[in-house]
Amino acid sequence: MSARAFSKSLKELRVHFSQGSPASRGLRDFIIRTYPEMKKVNPGLPILIREANGVESRIIARFDQGRERKVVVDNLSASDVEQKFNALVSKSQ
């Protein structure tokens, strides 16, 4: 993924996953690979990463006027997570 600046209507990203669960592996790999560049390109955007045992792997985007969208990414590969992520953040445009 080449990092890009997100729309101004995207106000926050929250990422939840389990530290050791195989179901979260794709999301963990995606975050490890993309977070540094994503944060560099979008320095003012809060990106909250939460790890907890046994939680569902998901990405939640909060937009203008408190609208939220969630995508569940359990058992997906890093490239499938990237596709879901791109679809999620593009809803802000």
PDB file of N, CA and C in Angstrom:
ATOM      1  N   MET A   1       0.846  -1.177   0.000  1.00  0.00           N
ATOM      2  CA  MET A   1       0.000   0.000   0.000  1.00  0.00           C
ATOM      3  C   MET A   1       0.884   1.229   0.000  1.00  0.00           C
ATOM      4  N   SER A   2       0.660   2.095  -0.940  1.00  0.00           N
ATOM      5  CA  SER A   2       1.336   3.380  -0.868  1.00  0.00           C
ATOM      6  C   SER A   2       0.428   4.293  -0.057  1.00  0.00           C
ATOM      7  N   ALA A   3       0.955   4.835   1.004  1.00  0.00           N
ATOM      8  CA  ALA A   3       0.156   5.658   1.898  1.00  0.00           C
ATOM      9  C   ALA A   3      -0.320   6.903   1.171  1.00  0.00           C
ATOM     10  N   ARG A   4      -1.520   7.295   1.516  1.00  0.00           N
ATOM     11  CA  ARG A   4      -2.089   8.497   0.923  1.00  0.00           C
ATOM     12  C   ARG A   4      -2.779   9.293   2.019  1.00  0.00           C
ATOM     13  N   ALA A   5      -2.949  10.553   1.779  1.00  0.00           N
ATOM     14  CA  ALA A   5      -3.668  11.396   2.723  1.00  0.00           C
ATOM     15  C   ALA A   5      -5.153  11.045   2.629  1.00  0.00           C
ATOM     16  N   PHE A   6      -5.770  10.860   3.778  1.00  0.00           N
ATOM     17  CA  PHE A   6      -7.190  10.526   3.823  1.00  0.00           C
ATOM     18  C   PHE A   6      -8.022  11.796   3.767  1.00  0.00           C
ATOM     19  N   SER A   7      -9.271  11.642   3.428  1.00  0.00           N
ATOM     20  CA  SER A   7     -10.210  12.757   3.382  1.00  0.00           C
ATOM     21  C   SER A   7     -10.317  13.422   4.751  1.00  0.00           C
ATOM     22  N   LYS A   8     -10.585  14.720   4.751  1.00  0.00           N
ATOM     23  CA  LYS A   8     -10.747  15.472   6.004  1.00  0.00           C
ATOM     24  C   LYS A   8     -11.964  15.001   6.787  1.00  0.00           C
ATOM     25  N   SER A   9     -12.907  14.318   6.134  1.00  0.00           N
ATOM     26  CA  SER A   9     -14.093  13.844   6.850  1.00  0.00           C
ATOM     27  C   SER A   9     -13.790  12.621   7.726  1.00  0.00           C
ATOM     28  N   LEU A  10     -12.639  11.978   7.508  1.00  0.00           N
ATOM     29  CA  LEU A  10     -12.214  10.869   8.370  1.00  0.00           C
ATOM     30  C   LEU A  10     -11.583  11.460   9.619  1.00  0.00           C
ATOM     31  N   LYS A  11     -12.183  11.184  10.763  1.00  0.00           N
ATOM     32  CA  LYS A  11     -11.752  11.811  12.014  1.00  0.00           C
ATOM     33  C   LYS A  11     -10.930  10.896  12.908  1.00  0.00           C
ATOM     34  N   GLU A  12     -11.079   9.577  12.771  1.00  0.00           N
ATOM     35  CA  GLU A  12     -10.367   8.655  13.665  1.00  0.00           C
ATOM     36  C   GLU A  12     -10.414   7.244  13.093  1.00  0.00           C
ATOM     37  N   LEU A  13      -9.338   6.514  13.299  1.00  0.00           N
ATOM     38  CA  LEU A  13      -9.294   5.089  12.973  1.00  0.00           C
ATOM     39  C   LEU A  13      -9.017   4.318  14.258  1.00  0.00           C
ATOM     40  N   ARG A  14      -9.769   3.237  14.481  1.00  0.00           N
ATOM     41  CA  ARG A  14      -9.515   2.353  15.610  1.00  0.00           C
ATOM     42  C   ARG A  14      -9.306   0.946  15.072  1.00  0.00           C
ATOM     43  N   VAL A  15      -8.265   0.300  15.558  1.00  0.00           N
ATOM     44  CA  VAL A  15      -7.916  -1.051  15.124  1.00  0.00           C
ATOM     45  C   VAL A  15      -7.905  -1.941  16.359  1.00  0.00           C
ATOM     46  N   HIS A  16      -8.674  -3.027  16.325  1.00  0.00           N
ATOM     47  CA  HIS A  16      -8.738  -3.975  17.446  1.00  0.00           C
ATOM     48  C   HIS A  16      -8.310  -5.344  16.942  1.00  0.00           C
ATOM     49  N   PHE A  17      -7.428  -5.989  17.694  1.00  0.00           N
ATOM     50  CA  PHE A  17      -7.030  -7.347  17.336  1.00  0.00           C
ATOM     51  C   PHE A  17      -6.457  -8.070  18.543  1.00  0.00           C
ATOM     52  N   SER A  18      -6.339  -9.377  18.415  1.00  0.00           N
ATOM     53  CA  SER A  18      -5.770 -10.219  19.458  1.00  0.00           C
ATOM     54  C   SER A  18      -4.279 -10.379  19.201  1.00  0.00           C
ATOM     55  N   GLN A  19      -3.475 -10.307  20.270  1.00  0.00           N
ATOM     56  CA  GLN A  19      -2.020 -10.372  20.128  1.00  0.00           C
ATOM     57  C   GLN A  19      -1.538 -11.693  19.532  1.00  0.00           C
ATOM     58  N   GLY A  20      -2.156 -12.792  19.901  1.00  0.00           N
ATOM     59  CA  GLY A  20      -1.623 -14.077  19.481  1.00  0.00           C
ATOM     60  C   GLY A  20      -2.553 -14.926  18.644  1.00  0.00           C
ATOM     61  N   SER A  21      -3.754 -14.477  18.408  1.00  0.00           N
ATOM     62  CA  SER A  21      -4.728 -15.283  17.681  1.00  0.00           C
ATOM     63  C   SER A  21      -4.366 -15.406  16.200  1.00  0.00           C
ATOM     64  N   PRO A  22      -4.445 -16.613  15.658  1.00  0.00           N
ATOM     65  CA  PRO A  22      -4.212 -16.780  14.215  1.00  0.00           C
ATOM     66  C   PRO A  22      -5.227 -15.988  13.376  1.00  0.00           C
ATOM     67  N   ALA A  23      -6.418 -15.761  13.910  1.00  0.00           N
ATOM     68  CA  ALA A  23      -7.448 -15.017  13.176  1.00  0.00           C
ATOM     69  C   ALA A  23      -7.051 -13.552  12.981  1.00  0.00           C
ATOM     70  N   SER A  24      -6.148 -13.049  13.804  1.00  0.00           N
ATOM     71  CA  SER A  24      -5.721 -11.649  13.720  1.00  0.00           C
ATOM     72  C   SER A  24      -4.416 -11.456  12.954  1.00  0.00           C
ATOM     73  N   ARG A  25      -3.834 -12.514  12.485  1.00  0.00           N
ATOM     74  CA  ARG A  25      -2.509 -12.424  11.861  1.00  0.00           C
ATOM     75  C   ARG A  25      -2.461 -11.457  10.674  1.00  0.00           C
ATOM     76  N   GLY A  26      -3.447 -11.519   9.805  1.00  0.00           N
ATOM     77  CA  GLY A  26      -3.466 -10.640   8.635  1.00  0.00           C
ATOM     78  C   GLY A  26      -3.543  -9.176   9.021  1.00  0.00           C
ATOM     79  N   LEU A  27      -4.362  -8.861  10.025  1.00  0.00           N
ATOM     80  CA  LEU A  27      -4.468  -7.479  10.480  1.00  0.00           C
ATOM     81  C   LEU A  27      -3.182  -7.018  11.152  1.00  0.00           C
ATOM     82  N   ARG A  28      -2.586  -7.875  11.968  1.00  0.00           N
ATOM     83  CA  ARG A  28      -1.305  -7.515  12.602  1.00  0.00           C
ATOM     84  C   ARG A  28      -0.244  -7.237  11.541  1.00  0.00           C
ATOM     85  N   ASP A  29      -0.140  -8.110  10.556  1.00  0.00           N
ATOM     86  CA  ASP A  29       0.841  -7.927   9.482  1.00  0.00           C
ATOM     87  C   ASP A  29       0.584  -6.635   8.706  1.00  0.00           C
ATOM     88  N   PHE A  30      -0.672  -6.354   8.425  1.00  0.00           N
ATOM     89  CA  PHE A  30      -1.040  -5.131   7.716  1.00  0.00           C
ATOM     90  C   PHE A  30      -0.627  -3.895   8.514  1.00  0.00           C
ATOM     91  N   ILE A  31      -0.902  -3.877   9.799  1.00  0.00           N
ATOM     92  CA  ILE A  31      -0.572  -2.723  10.642  1.00  0.00           C
ATOM     93  C   ILE A  31       0.941  -2.549  10.746  1.00  0.00           C
ATOM     94  N   ILE A  32       1.654  -3.624  10.954  1.00  0.00           N
ATOM     95  CA  ILE A  32       3.121  -3.536  11.061  1.00  0.00           C
ATOM     96  C   ILE A  32       3.717  -2.951   9.782  1.00  0.00           C
ATOM     97  N   ARG A  33       3.174  -3.352   8.652  1.00  0.00           N
ATOM     98  CA  ARG A  33       3.716  -2.911   7.362  1.00  0.00           C
ATOM     99  C   ARG A  33       3.301  -1.483   7.006  1.00  0.00           C
ATOM    100  N   THR A  34       2.088  -1.074   7.348  1.00  0.00           N
ATOM    101  CA  THR A  34       1.567   0.188   6.837  1.00  0.00           C
ATOM    102  C   THR A  34       1.488   1.338   7.836  1.00  0.00           C
ATOM    103  N   TYR A  35       1.457   1.043   9.129  1.00  0.00           N
ATOM    104  CA  TYR A  35       1.244   2.108  10.111  1.00  0.00           C
ATOM    105  C   TYR A  35       2.263   3.246  10.028  1.00  0.00           C
ATOM    106  N   PRO A  36       3.563   2.968   9.988  1.00  0.00           N
ATOM    107  CA  PRO A  36       4.519   4.096   9.995  1.00  0.00           C
ATOM    108  C   PRO A  36       4.290   5.100   8.862  1.00  0.00           C
ATOM    109  N   GLU A  37       4.102   4.614   7.658  1.00  0.00           N
ATOM    110  CA  GLU A  37       3.896   5.509   6.520  1.00  0.00           C
ATOM    111  C   GLU A  37       2.526   6.186   6.593  1.00  0.00           C
ATOM    112  N   MET A  38       1.494   5.428   7.021  1.00  0.00           N
ATOM    113  CA  MET A  38       0.152   5.984   7.147  1.00  0.00           C
ATOM    114  C   MET A  38       0.157   7.158   8.133  1.00  0.00           C
ATOM    115  N   LYS A  39       0.853   6.999   9.249  1.00  0.00           N
ATOM    116  CA  LYS A  39       0.910   8.052  10.261  1.00  0.00           C
ATOM    117  C   LYS A  39       1.738   9.235   9.777  1.00  0.00           C
ATOM    118  N   LYS A  40       2.779   8.953   9.024  1.00  0.00           N
ATOM    119  CA  LYS A  40       3.631  10.022   8.481  1.00  0.00           C
ATOM    120  C   LYS A  40       2.836  10.914   7.525  1.00  0.00           C
ATOM    121  N   VAL A  41       2.013  10.306   6.696  1.00  0.00           N
ATOM    122  CA  VAL A  41       1.230  11.046   5.708  1.00  0.00           C
ATOM    123  C   VAL A  41       0.013  11.725   6.346  1.00  0.00           C
ATOM    124  N   ASN A  42      -0.495  11.175   7.451  1.00  0.00           N
ATOM    125  CA  ASN A  42      -1.680  11.708   8.134  1.00  0.00           C
ATOM    126  C   ASN A  42      -1.360  11.982   9.598  1.00  0.00           C
ATOM    127  N   PRO A  43      -0.458  12.919   9.890  1.00  0.00           N
ATOM    128  CA  PRO A  43       0.021  13.093  11.266  1.00  0.00           C
ATOM    129  C   PRO A  43      -1.048  13.546  12.258  1.00  0.00           C
ATOM    130  N   GLY A  44      -2.067  14.238  11.809  1.00  0.00           N
ATOM    131  CA  GLY A  44      -3.096  14.725  12.728  1.00  0.00           C
ATOM    132  C   GLY A  44      -4.241  13.759  12.964  1.00  0.00           C
ATOM    133  N   LEU A  45      -4.253  12.648  12.248  1.00  0.00           N
ATOM    134  CA  LEU A  45      -5.341  11.680  12.376  1.00  0.00           C
ATOM    135  C   LEU A  45      -5.066  10.725  13.524  1.00  0.00           C
ATOM    136  N   PRO A  46      -5.964  10.662  14.511  1.00  0.00           N
ATOM    137  CA  PRO A  46      -5.785   9.671  15.572  1.00  0.00           C
ATOM    138  C   PRO A  46      -5.964   8.254  15.020  1.00  0.00           C
ATOM    139  N   ILE A  47      -4.946   7.437  15.202  1.00  0.00           N
ATOM    140  CA  ILE A  47      -5.009   6.016  14.822  1.00  0.00           C
ATOM    141  C   ILE A  47      -4.769   5.238  16.099  1.00  0.00           C
ATOM    142  N   LEU A  48      -5.832   4.649  16.632  1.00  0.00           N
ATOM    143  CA  LEU A  48      -5.778   3.960  17.914  1.00  0.00           C
ATOM    144  C   LEU A  48      -5.684   2.460  17.681  1.00  0.00           C
ATOM    145  N   ILE A  49      -4.659   1.846  18.225  1.00  0.00           N
ATOM    146  CA  ILE A  49      -4.446   0.419  18.054  1.00  0.00           C
ATOM    147  C   ILE A  49      -4.623  -0.238  19.411  1.00  0.00           C
ATOM    148  N   ARG A  50      -5.582  -1.175  19.489  1.00  0.00           N
ATOM    149  CA  ARG A  50      -5.900  -1.844  20.739  1.00  0.00           C
ATOM    150  C   ARG A  50      -5.709  -3.347  20.587  1.00  0.00           C
ATOM    151  N   GLU A  51      -4.896  -3.892  21.474  1.00  0.00           N
ATOM    152  CA  GLU A  51      -4.661  -5.333  21.491  1.00  0.00           C
ATOM    153  C   GLU A  51      -5.315  -5.917  22.735  1.00  0.00           C
ATOM    154  N   ALA A  52      -6.049  -7.006  22.568  1.00  0.00           N
ATOM    155  CA  ALA A  52      -6.660  -7.699  23.698  1.00  0.00           C
ATOM    156  C   ALA A  52      -6.903  -9.152  23.289  1.00  0.00           C
ATOM    157  N   ASN A  53      -6.672 -10.055  24.210  1.00  0.00           N
ATOM    158  CA  ASN A  53      -6.866 -11.475  23.911  1.00  0.00           C
ATOM    159  C   ASN A  53      -8.325 -11.772  23.607  1.00  0.00           C
ATOM    160  N   GLY A  54      -8.532 -12.534  22.540  1.00  0.00           N
ATOM    161  CA  GLY A  54      -9.847 -13.036  22.203  1.00  0.00           C
ATOM    162  C   GLY A  54     -10.798 -12.064  21.529  1.00  0.00           C
ATOM    163  N   VAL A  55     -10.343 -10.879  21.158  1.00  0.00           N
ATOM    164  CA  VAL A  55     -11.256  -9.933  20.498  1.00  0.00           C
ATOM    165  C   VAL A  55     -11.328 -10.204  19.005  1.00  0.00           C
ATOM    166  N   GLU A  56     -12.417  -9.773  18.439  1.00  0.00           N
ATOM    167  CA  GLU A  56     -12.635  -9.859  17.005  1.00  0.00           C
ATOM    168  C   GLU A  56     -11.706  -8.863  16.308  1.00  0.00           C
ATOM    169  N   SER A  57     -11.083  -9.268  15.220  1.00  0.00           N
ATOM    170  CA  SER A  57     -10.213  -8.373  14.441  1.00  0.00           C
ATOM    171  C   SER A  57     -11.100  -7.440  13.640  1.00  0.00           C
ATOM    172  N   ARG A  58     -10.942  -6.142  13.869  1.00  0.00           N
ATOM    173  CA  ARG A  58     -11.802  -5.185  13.185  1.00  0.00           C
ATOM    174  C   ARG A  58     -11.130  -3.823  13.066  1.00  0.00           C
ATOM    175  N   ILE A  59     -11.609  -3.070  12.089  1.00  0.00           N
ATOM    176  CA  ILE A  59     -11.169  -1.693  11.882  1.00  0.00           C
ATOM    177  C   ILE A  59     -12.426  -0.835  11.902  1.00  0.00           C
ATOM    178  N   ILE A  60     -12.379   0.229  12.686  1.00  0.00           N
ATOM    179  CA  ILE A  60     -13.521   1.129  12.819  1.00  0.00           C
ATOM    180  C   ILE A  60     -13.067   2.519  12.394  1.00  0.00           C
ATOM    181  N   ALA A  61     -13.823   3.114  11.506  1.00  0.00           N
ATOM    182  CA  ALA A  61     -13.531   4.465  11.042  1.00  0.00           C
ATOM    183  C   ALA A  61     -14.645   5.391  11.514  1.00  0.00           C
ATOM    184  N   ARG A  62     -14.258   6.513  12.106  1.00  0.00           N
ATOM    185  CA  ARG A  62     -15.230   7.526  12.528  1.00  0.00           C
ATOM    186  C   ARG A  62     -15.095   8.711  11.587  1.00  0.00           C
ATOM    187  N   PHE A  63     -16.252   9.151  11.077  1.00  0.00           N
ATOM    188  CA  PHE A  63     -16.305  10.233  10.102  1.00  0.00           C
ATOM    189  C   PHE A  63     -16.995  11.458  10.700  1.00  0.00           C
ATOM    190  N   ASP A  64     -17.161  12.491   9.880  1.00  0.00           N
ATOM    191  CA  ASP A  64     -17.896  13.693  10.286  1.00  0.00           C
ATOM    192  C   ASP A  64     -19.237  13.319  10.902  1.00  0.00           C
ATOM    193  N   GLN A  65     -19.706  14.163  11.796  1.00  0.00           N
ATOM    194  CA  GLN A  65     -21.019  14.042  12.425  1.00  0.00           C
ATOM    195  C   GLN A  65     -21.192  12.734  13.178  1.00  0.00           C
ATOM    196  N   GLY A  66     -20.090  12.143  13.648  1.00  0.00           N
ATOM    197  CA  GLY A  66     -20.143  10.953  14.483  1.00  0.00           C
ATOM    198  C   GLY A  66     -20.484   9.657  13.770  1.00  0.00           C
ATOM    199  N   ARG A  67     -20.542   9.675  12.456  1.00  0.00           N
ATOM    200  CA  ARG A  67     -20.830   8.439  11.717  1.00  0.00           C
ATOM    201  C   ARG A  67     -19.665   7.476  11.864  1.00  0.00           C
ATOM    202  N   GLU A  68     -19.971   6.215  12.068  1.00  0.00           N
ATOM    203  CA  GLU A  68     -18.938   5.182  12.167  1.00  0.00           C
ATOM    204  C   GLU A  68     -19.251   4.036  11.228  1.00  0.00           C
ATOM    205  N   ARG A  69     -18.199   3.465  10.705  1.00  0.00           N
ATOM    206  CA  ARG A  69     -18.292   2.261   9.875  1.00  0.00           C
ATOM    207  C   ARG A  69     -17.275   1.271  10.419  1.00  0.00           C
ATOM    208  N   LYS A  70     -17.667   0.003  10.425  1.00  0.00           N
ATOM    209  CA  LYS A  70     -16.796  -1.049  10.965  1.00  0.00           C
ATOM    210  C   LYS A  70     -16.668  -2.153   9.932  1.00  0.00           C
ATOM    211  N   VAL A  71     -15.462  -2.703   9.847  1.00  0.00           N
ATOM    212  CA  VAL A  71     -15.237  -3.863   8.994  1.00  0.00           C
ATOM    213  C   VAL A  71     -14.528  -4.918   9.843  1.00  0.00           C
ATOM    214  N   VAL A  72     -15.041  -6.140   9.790  1.00  0.00           N
ATOM    215  CA  VAL A  72     -14.456  -7.267  10.512  1.00  0.00           C
ATOM    216  C   VAL A  72     -13.493  -7.972   9.566  1.00  0.00           C
ATOM    217  N   VAL A  73     -12.281  -8.231  10.055  1.00  0.00           N
ATOM    218  CA  VAL A  73     -11.235  -8.806   9.201  1.00  0.00           C
ATOM    219  C   VAL A  73     -10.634 -10.075   9.801  1.00  0.00           C
ATOM    220  N   ASP A  74     -11.400 -10.799  10.598  1.00  0.00           N
ATOM    221  CA  ASP A  74     -10.932 -12.078  11.148  1.00  0.00           C
ATOM    222  C   ASP A  74     -10.577 -13.033  10.017  1.00  0.00           C
ATOM    223  N   ASN A  75      -9.483 -13.736  10.178  1.00  0.00           N
ATOM    224  CA  ASN A  75      -9.054 -14.801   9.262  1.00  0.00           C
ATOM    225  C   ASN A  75      -8.783 -14.337   7.836  1.00  0.00           C
ATOM    226  N   LEU A  76      -8.462 -13.068   7.650  1.00  0.00           N
ATOM    227  CA  LEU A  76      -8.113 -12.580   6.318  1.00  0.00           C
ATOM    228  C   LEU A  76      -6.600 -12.403   6.214  1.00  0.00           C
ATOM    229  N   SER A  77      -6.082 -12.516   5.005  1.00  0.00           N
ATOM    230  CA  SER A  77      -4.664 -12.260   4.774  1.00  0.00           C
ATOM    231  C   SER A  77      -4.419 -10.753   4.826  1.00  0.00           C
ATOM    232  N   ALA A  78      -3.162 -10.353   4.915  1.00  0.00           N
ATOM    233  CA  ALA A  78      -2.817  -8.931   4.960  1.00  0.00           C
ATOM    234  C   ALA A  78      -3.303  -8.211   3.701  1.00  0.00           C
ATOM    235  N   SER A  79      -3.225  -8.854   2.548  1.00  0.00           N
ATOM    236  CA  SER A  79      -3.686  -8.196   1.314  1.00  0.00           C
ATOM    237  C   SER A  79      -5.205  -8.068   1.294  1.00  0.00           C
ATOM    238  N   ASP A  80      -5.924  -9.048   1.845  1.00  0.00           N
ATOM    239  CA  ASP A  80      -7.378  -8.932   1.941  1.00  0.00           C
ATOM    240  C   ASP A  80      -7.775  -7.845   2.938  1.00  0.00           C
ATOM    241  N   VAL A  81      -7.025  -7.744   4.040  1.00  0.00           N
ATOM    242  CA  VAL A  81      -7.264  -6.671   5.019  1.00  0.00           C
ATOM    243  C   VAL A  81      -7.064  -5.319   4.342  1.00  0.00           C
ATOM    244  N   GLU A  82      -6.030  -5.203   3.543  1.00  0.00           N
ATOM    245  CA  GLU A  82      -5.758  -3.943   2.838  1.00  0.00           C
ATOM    246  C   GLU A  82      -6.922  -3.558   1.937  1.00  0.00           C
ATOM    247  N   GLN A  83      -7.498  -4.514   1.229  1.00  0.00           N
ATOM    248  CA  GLN A  83      -8.646  -4.234   0.361  1.00  0.00           C
ATOM    249  C   GLN A  83      -9.837  -3.743   1.171  1.00  0.00           C
ATOM    250  N   LYS A  84     -10.116  -4.419   2.286  1.00  0.00           N
ATOM    251  CA  LYS A  84     -11.227  -4.009   3.153  1.00  0.00           C
ATOM    252  C   LYS A  84     -10.970  -2.620   3.735  1.00  0.00           C
ATOM    253  N   PHE A  85      -9.731  -2.370   4.151  1.00  0.00           N
ATOM    254  CA  PHE A  85      -9.355  -1.071   4.709  1.00  0.00           C
ATOM    255  C   PHE A  85      -9.554   0.028   3.676  1.00  0.00           C
ATOM    256  N   ASN A  86      -9.072  -0.186   2.475  1.00  0.00           N
ATOM    257  CA  ASN A  86      -9.198   0.816   1.414  1.00  0.00           C
ATOM    258  C   ASN A  86     -10.670   1.115   1.113  1.00  0.00           C
ATOM    259  N   ALA A  87     -11.505   0.085   1.092  1.00  0.00           N
ATOM    260  CA  ALA A  87     -12.939   0.299   0.871  1.00  0.00           C
ATOM    261  C   ALA A  87     -13.552   1.094   2.015  1.00  0.00           C
ATOM    262  N   LEU A  88     -13.129   0.814   3.229  1.00  0.00           N
ATOM    263  CA  LEU A  88     -13.645   1.511   4.407  1.00  0.00           C
ATOM    264  C   LEU A  88     -13.293   2.998   4.394  1.00  0.00           C
ATOM    265  N   VAL A  89     -12.025   3.315   4.192  1.00  0.00           N
ATOM    266  CA  VAL A  89     -11.627   4.733   4.227  1.00  0.00           C
ATOM    267  C   VAL A  89     -12.082   5.494   2.981  1.00  0.00           C
ATOM    268  N   SER A  90     -12.339   4.810   1.886  1.00  0.00           N
ATOM    269  CA  SER A  90     -12.805   5.512   0.697  1.00  0.00           C
ATOM    270  C   SER A  90     -14.253   5.952   0.859  1.00  0.00           C
ATOM    271  N   LYS A  91     -14.987   5.397   1.811  1.00  0.00           N
ATOM    272  CA  LYS A  91     -16.357   5.832   2.065  1.00  0.00           C
ATOM    273  C   LYS A  91     -16.406   7.255   2.581  1.00  0.00           C
ATOM    274  N   SER A  92     -15.248   7.766   2.996  1.00  0.00           N
ATOM    275  CA  SER A  92     -15.198   9.129   3.512  1.00  0.00           C
ATOM    276  C   SER A  92     -15.161  10.152   2.385  1.00  0.00           C
ATOM    277  N   GLN A  93     -14.939   9.718   1.168  1.00  0.00           N
ATOM    278  CA  GLN A  93     -14.771  10.661   0.055  1.00  0.00           C
ATOM    279  C   GLN A  93     -16.047  10.811  -0.740  1.00  0.00           C
TER     280      GLN A  93
END
